[in-house]
Protein backbone atom coordinates (compact mmCIF):
# COMPACT_ATOMS: atom_id res chain seq x y z
CA MET A 1 18.51 -14.33 13.48
CA LEU A 2 20.52 -11.52 11.93
CA ALA A 3 17.32 -9.55 11.45
CA ASN A 4 16.57 -9.83 15.18
CA PHE A 5 20.07 -8.65 16.06
CA LEU A 6 19.64 -5.65 13.75
CA ILE A 7 16.21 -4.81 15.17
CA GLY A 8 17.55 -5.05 18.72
CA LEU A 9 20.59 -2.95 17.83
CA ARG A 10 18.63 -0.30 15.96
CA GLU A 11 15.75 0.09 18.43
CA GLY A 12 18.05 -0.29 21.44
CA LEU A 13 20.36 2.43 20.18
CA GLU A 14 17.42 4.77 19.60
CA ALA A 15 16.22 4.20 23.17
CA SER A 16 19.77 4.57 24.55
CA LEU A 17 20.24 7.89 22.75
CA ILE A 18 16.90 9.13 24.09
CA VAL A 19 17.92 8.26 27.66
CA GLY A 20 21.30 9.90 27.10
CA ILE A 21 19.65 13.12 25.89
CA LEU A 22 17.35 13.23 28.93
CA ILE A 23 20.16 12.62 31.41
CA ALA A 24 22.47 15.11 29.69
CA PHE A 25 19.75 17.76 29.95
CA ALA A 26 19.27 17.07 33.67
CA VAL A 27 23.01 17.47 34.18
CA LYS A 28 23.13 20.62 32.07
CA VAL A 29 20.44 22.38 34.14
CA ASP A 30 22.09 21.15 37.37
CA ARG A 31 19.17 18.92 38.33
CA ARG A 32 20.91 15.64 38.94
CA ASP A 33 18.15 14.74 41.37
CA LEU A 34 15.94 14.13 38.33
CA ILE A 35 18.16 11.34 36.99
CA SER A 36 16.59 8.81 39.36
CA ARG A 37 13.15 9.84 38.07
CA ILE A 38 14.34 9.40 34.49
CA TRP A 39 15.53 5.88 35.28
CA ALA A 40 12.22 5.15 37.01
CA GLY A 41 10.37 6.08 33.82
CA VAL A 42 12.78 4.01 31.73
CA GLY A 43 12.36 1.03 34.07
CA ALA A 44 8.57 1.24 33.81
CA ALA A 45 8.84 1.38 30.01
CA VAL A 46 11.04 -1.74 29.98
CA ILE A 47 8.51 -3.61 32.15
CA VAL A 48 5.63 -2.64 29.83
CA SER A 49 7.68 -3.69 26.79
CA LEU A 50 8.56 -7.09 28.26
CA GLY A 51 4.93 -7.50 29.28
CA THR A 52 3.83 -6.79 25.72
CA GLY A 53 6.14 -9.46 24.35
CA ALA A 54 5.07 -11.98 26.99
CA THR A 55 1.39 -11.25 26.27
CA ILE A 56 1.85 -11.91 22.55
CA PHE A 57 3.57 -15.24 23.23
CA TYR A 58 0.92 -16.23 25.79
CA ILE A 59 -2.00 -15.44 23.50
CA LEU A 60 -0.46 -17.44 20.67
CA ALA A 61 0.38 -20.36 22.96
CA GLU A 62 -3.23 -20.53 24.17
CA SER A 63 -4.77 -20.11 20.71
CA SER A 64 -6.19 -23.04 18.77
CA ASP A 65 -4.59 -24.27 15.56
CA THR A 66 -7.39 -22.58 13.62
CA VAL A 67 -7.14 -19.18 15.28
CA GLN A 68 -3.36 -19.00 15.61
CA PRO A 69 -2.56 -18.42 11.91
CA ILE A 70 -5.12 -15.60 11.82
CA ILE A 71 -3.49 -13.87 14.80
CA VAL A 72 -0.02 -14.47 13.39
CA GLY A 73 -1.01 -13.07 10.00
CA ALA A 74 -2.66 -9.99 11.51
CA LEU A 75 0.26 -9.26 13.85
CA SER A 76 2.76 -9.76 11.01
CA VAL A 77 0.95 -7.21 8.84
CA LEU A 78 0.68 -4.85 11.84
CA ALA A 79 4.40 -5.26 12.58
CA ALA A 80 5.33 -4.49 8.96
CA GLY A 81 3.16 -1.36 9.07
CA LEU A 82 4.60 -0.15 12.39
CA LEU A 83 8.14 -0.88 11.26
CA THR A 84 7.55 1.25 8.16
CA TRP A 85 6.04 4.06 10.22
CA MET A 86 8.97 3.96 12.66
CA ILE A 87 11.51 4.19 9.82
CA PHE A 88 9.88 7.24 8.23
CA TRP A 89 9.16 8.84 11.62
CA MET A 90 12.80 8.59 12.62
CA ALA A 91 13.94 9.93 9.24
CA LYS A 92 11.65 12.94 9.69
CA THR A 93 12.21 13.76 13.37
CA ALA A 94 15.79 12.62 14.02
CA ARG A 95 17.27 16.08 13.40
CA ASN A 96 14.85 17.70 15.88
CA LEU A 97 14.64 14.86 18.42
CA LYS A 98 17.11 16.40 20.87
CA GLY A 99 15.30 19.75 20.90
CA SER A 100 11.90 18.11 21.26
CA LEU A 101 12.98 15.97 24.22
CA GLU A 102 14.71 18.87 25.94
CA GLY A 103 11.58 20.98 25.42
CA SER A 104 9.48 18.30 27.13
CA MET A 105 11.98 18.13 29.99
CA GLN A 106 12.04 21.93 30.37
CA ALA A 107 8.25 22.02 30.53
CA GLY A 108 8.25 19.26 33.15
CA LEU A 109 10.79 20.89 35.47
CA SER A 110 8.19 23.06 37.15
CA GLN A 111 5.70 20.19 37.51
CA GLY A 112 7.76 17.84 39.65
CA GLY A 113 9.66 14.59 39.38
CA PHE A 114 6.64 12.50 38.41
CA THR A 115 6.22 14.50 35.21
CA ILE A 116 9.89 13.91 34.36
CA ALA A 117 9.37 10.17 34.87
CA VAL A 118 6.37 10.32 32.54
CA VAL A 119 8.44 12.11 29.89
CA ALA A 120 11.11 9.40 30.09
CA PHE A 121 8.49 6.63 30.09
CA SER A 122 6.66 8.07 27.08
CA ALA A 123 9.87 8.53 25.10
CA VAL A 124 11.14 4.98 25.72
CA VAL A 125 7.97 2.87 25.88
CA ARG A 126 7.19 3.45 22.20
CA GLU A 127 10.58 2.07 21.24
CA GLY A 128 10.17 -0.86 23.62
CA VAL A 129 6.68 -1.94 22.54
CA GLU A 130 7.63 -1.60 18.88
CA THR A 131 10.75 -3.67 19.50
CA ALA A 132 8.76 -6.44 21.21
CA LEU A 133 6.37 -6.65 18.25
CA PHE A 134 9.12 -6.44 15.62
CA ILE A 135 11.24 -9.12 17.28
CA TRP A 136 8.26 -11.45 17.63
CA ALA A 137 7.28 -10.94 13.98
CA SER A 138 10.82 -11.56 12.76
CA MET A 139 11.19 -14.64 15.00
CA ASN A 140 7.90 -16.04 13.80
CA SER A 141 8.59 -15.47 10.11
CA THR A 142 12.00 -17.15 10.30
CA GLY A 143 11.03 -19.86 12.78
CA ASP A 144 14.32 -19.55 14.67
CA GLY A 145 12.69 -19.49 18.12
CA ILE A 146 14.76 -18.98 21.26
CA PRO A 147 18.14 -18.47 19.47
CA ALA A 148 16.61 -15.54 17.57
CA LEU A 149 15.29 -14.06 20.83
CA VAL A 150 18.73 -14.36 22.41
CA THR A 151 20.26 -12.72 19.34
CA ALA A 152 17.82 -9.82 19.67
CA PHE A 153 18.80 -9.28 23.31
CA VAL A 154 22.47 -9.39 22.30
CA GLY A 155 21.69 -6.61 19.82
CA ILE A 156 19.99 -4.59 22.55
CA GLY A 157 22.97 -5.17 24.86
CA VAL A 158 25.40 -3.95 22.20
CA ALA A 159 23.16 -0.91 21.65
CA VAL A 160 23.18 -0.04 25.37
CA ILE A 161 26.99 -0.26 25.47
CA LEU A 162 27.28 1.90 22.34
CA GLY A 163 24.81 4.39 23.79
CA TRP A 164 26.87 4.68 27.00
CA ILE A 165 30.12 5.09 25.04
CA ILE A 166 28.56 7.79 22.85
CA TYR A 167 27.13 9.57 25.91
CA ARG A 168 30.54 9.58 27.58
CA GLY A 169 32.05 11.07 24.43
CA LEU A 170 34.38 8.12 23.92
CA LEU A 171 33.06 7.37 20.43
CA ARG A 172 31.72 9.47 17.59
CA ILE A 173 29.78 7.85 14.78
CA ASN A 174 27.66 9.31 12.02
CA LEU A 175 24.28 8.39 13.41
CA GLY A 176 22.49 9.77 10.37
CA THR A 177 24.33 7.37 8.08
CA PHE A 178 23.83 4.49 10.53
CA PHE A 179 20.07 4.98 10.71
CA GLN A 180 19.73 5.48 6.96
CA TRP A 181 21.50 2.24 6.07
CA THR A 182 19.77 0.21 8.78
CA SER A 183 16.45 1.67 7.60
CA VAL A 184 17.05 0.30 4.11
CA ILE A 185 17.75 -3.17 5.54
CA LEU A 186 14.71 -2.99 7.84
CA ILE A 187 12.45 -2.08 4.91
CA ILE A 188 13.55 -5.32 3.26
CA VAL A 189 12.92 -7.15 6.55
CA ALA A 190 9.43 -5.60 6.75
CA ALA A 191 8.69 -6.79 3.21
CA GLY A 192 9.53 -10.35 4.29
CA ILE A 193 7.35 -10.06 7.41
CA LEU A 194 4.44 -8.76 5.32
CA ALA A 195 4.82 -11.62 2.82
CA TYR A 196 4.83 -14.07 5.74
CA GLY A 197 1.57 -12.54 7.01
CA VAL A 198 0.06 -13.08 3.55
CA HIS A 199 1.28 -16.68 3.68
CA GLU A 200 -0.51 -17.24 7.00
CA PHE A 201 -3.75 -15.79 5.62
CA GLN A 202 -3.42 -18.17 2.67
CA GLU A 203 -2.99 -21.08 5.07
CA VAL A 204 -6.41 -20.45 6.65
CA GLY A 205 -8.14 -19.66 3.36
CA PHE A 206 -8.54 -15.90 3.92
CA LEU A 207 -6.57 -15.32 0.73
CA PRO A 208 -6.32 -17.52 -2.36
CA ALA A 209 -3.36 -19.88 -2.26
CA GLY A 210 -1.73 -21.46 -5.28
CA ALA A 211 1.36 -23.33 -6.34
CA PRO A 212 4.78 -21.77 -5.69
CA VAL A 213 6.03 -19.46 -8.43
CA TYR A 214 9.39 -21.19 -8.13
CA ASP A 215 11.05 -23.64 -5.77
CA ALA A 216 14.69 -22.91 -4.90
CA THR A 217 14.70 -25.11 -1.81
CA ALA A 218 17.44 -27.35 -3.22
CA TRP A 219 19.99 -24.54 -3.44
CA LEU A 220 18.51 -21.69 -1.36
CA GLY A 221 16.63 -23.58 1.34
CA LYS A 222 17.08 -22.92 5.07
CA GLU A 223 19.56 -25.79 5.27
CA THR A 224 21.99 -24.09 2.86
CA VAL A 225 24.43 -21.39 4.00
CA MET A 226 23.11 -18.70 1.65
CA GLY A 227 19.48 -19.68 2.21
CA SER A 228 19.94 -19.57 5.98
CA LEU A 229 21.50 -16.12 5.71
CA LEU A 230 18.70 -14.77 3.51
CA TYR A 231 16.03 -16.40 5.65
CA GLY A 232 17.50 -15.11 8.89
CA LEU A 233 18.02 -11.56 7.67
CA PHE A 234 15.12 -10.95 5.28
CA SER A 235 12.56 -13.69 6.13
CA TYR A 236 13.21 -15.03 2.64
CA ARG A 237 11.11 -17.99 1.43
CA ALA A 238 12.57 -20.37 -1.14
CA ASN A 239 9.14 -21.33 -2.54
CA PRO A 240 6.79 -18.31 -2.40
CA SER A 241 3.31 -18.23 -3.88
CA LEU A 242 2.40 -15.64 -6.49
CA LEU A 243 0.44 -13.57 -3.97
CA GLU A 244 3.36 -13.59 -1.50
CA LEU A 245 5.72 -12.46 -4.25
CA ILE A 246 3.35 -9.71 -5.40
CA SER A 247 2.77 -8.40 -1.86
CA TRP A 248 6.53 -8.43 -1.23
CA ALA A 249 7.28 -6.48 -4.42
CA LEU A 250 4.35 -4.04 -4.08
CA TYR A 251 5.53 -3.13 -0.60
CA LEU A 252 9.28 -3.14 -1.13
CA LEU A 253 9.73 -1.24 -4.39
CA PRO A 254 7.57 1.84 -3.68
CA THR A 255 8.55 2.03 0.01
CA LEU A 256 12.26 1.79 -0.75
CA THR A 257 11.95 4.32 -3.57
CA VAL A 258 10.13 6.85 -1.39
CA PHE A 259 12.59 6.41 1.47
CA VAL A 260 15.70 6.79 -0.68
CA THR A 261 14.21 9.78 -2.50
CA THR A 262 13.15 11.63 0.65
CA THR A 263 16.43 10.84 2.39
CA ARG A 264 18.50 12.15 -0.50
CA ARG A 265 16.39 15.30 -0.65
CA ALA A 266 16.78 15.88 3.10
CA ASN A 267 20.55 15.30 2.89
CA TYR A 268 20.81 17.73 -0.02
CA GLN A 269 18.82 20.39 1.83
CA GLN A 270 20.94 19.96 4.95
CA ALA A 271 24.14 20.25 2.92
CA ALA A 272 22.82 23.38 1.23
CA THR A 273 22.03 25.08 4.54
CA THR A 274 25.48 24.36 5.97
CA ARG A 275 27.41 25.86 3.07
């Protein structure tokens, strides 16, 4: 469930900051009449995002026992891939996000309120659809069900409050550091989701199965405090197969290495330019 809270917090804060940037620009250019259009675009994005989540749950609920593991495995692998893309995309574009959004708003000023609504919709819907898929994948891999969904919405609620506080200038946090550390945790989460997808493909015979490499259920199972924490945060399995373990390691080690290396290089370059 902790993973769902983190996903909701991280994605919700990104969306909140985007909305804050758009509204702040409308205020700066003395076009407060556009704020209602921005909220219309945001509202439409939220509806599409909720619809995406509901569609996933409906399709799985109506699927047969034979087809369901295939869909679950495919969506888990897709979620891990999108989560990875989102992490690296944010690391690359975060420093220029404000300028890019303001440029889109400036271009839309002469084209009417509908264009502004589309800008807001486009900026937020990506975050929303990704969040729906990520939360579903994390819920499914941990098996926590409704409590995990509630935890995710709590994370989104906290993110909205933080976004409002930051917009009002009542709180200053180092967003770069926040996103870097949460990215590291989410990479580990994505590794667990990917391994779970491999497990589902093994269940239906798409991939070779095999005996567990080890079985730590007795002391790191879901019923234990530490096992529950690891399972809820990282989709940890106490008895993984060899293929699950290999897929987890082959994803995690190179992805984490590349992220840390590129982040350190970017931080060094930024520090050098500000001297």
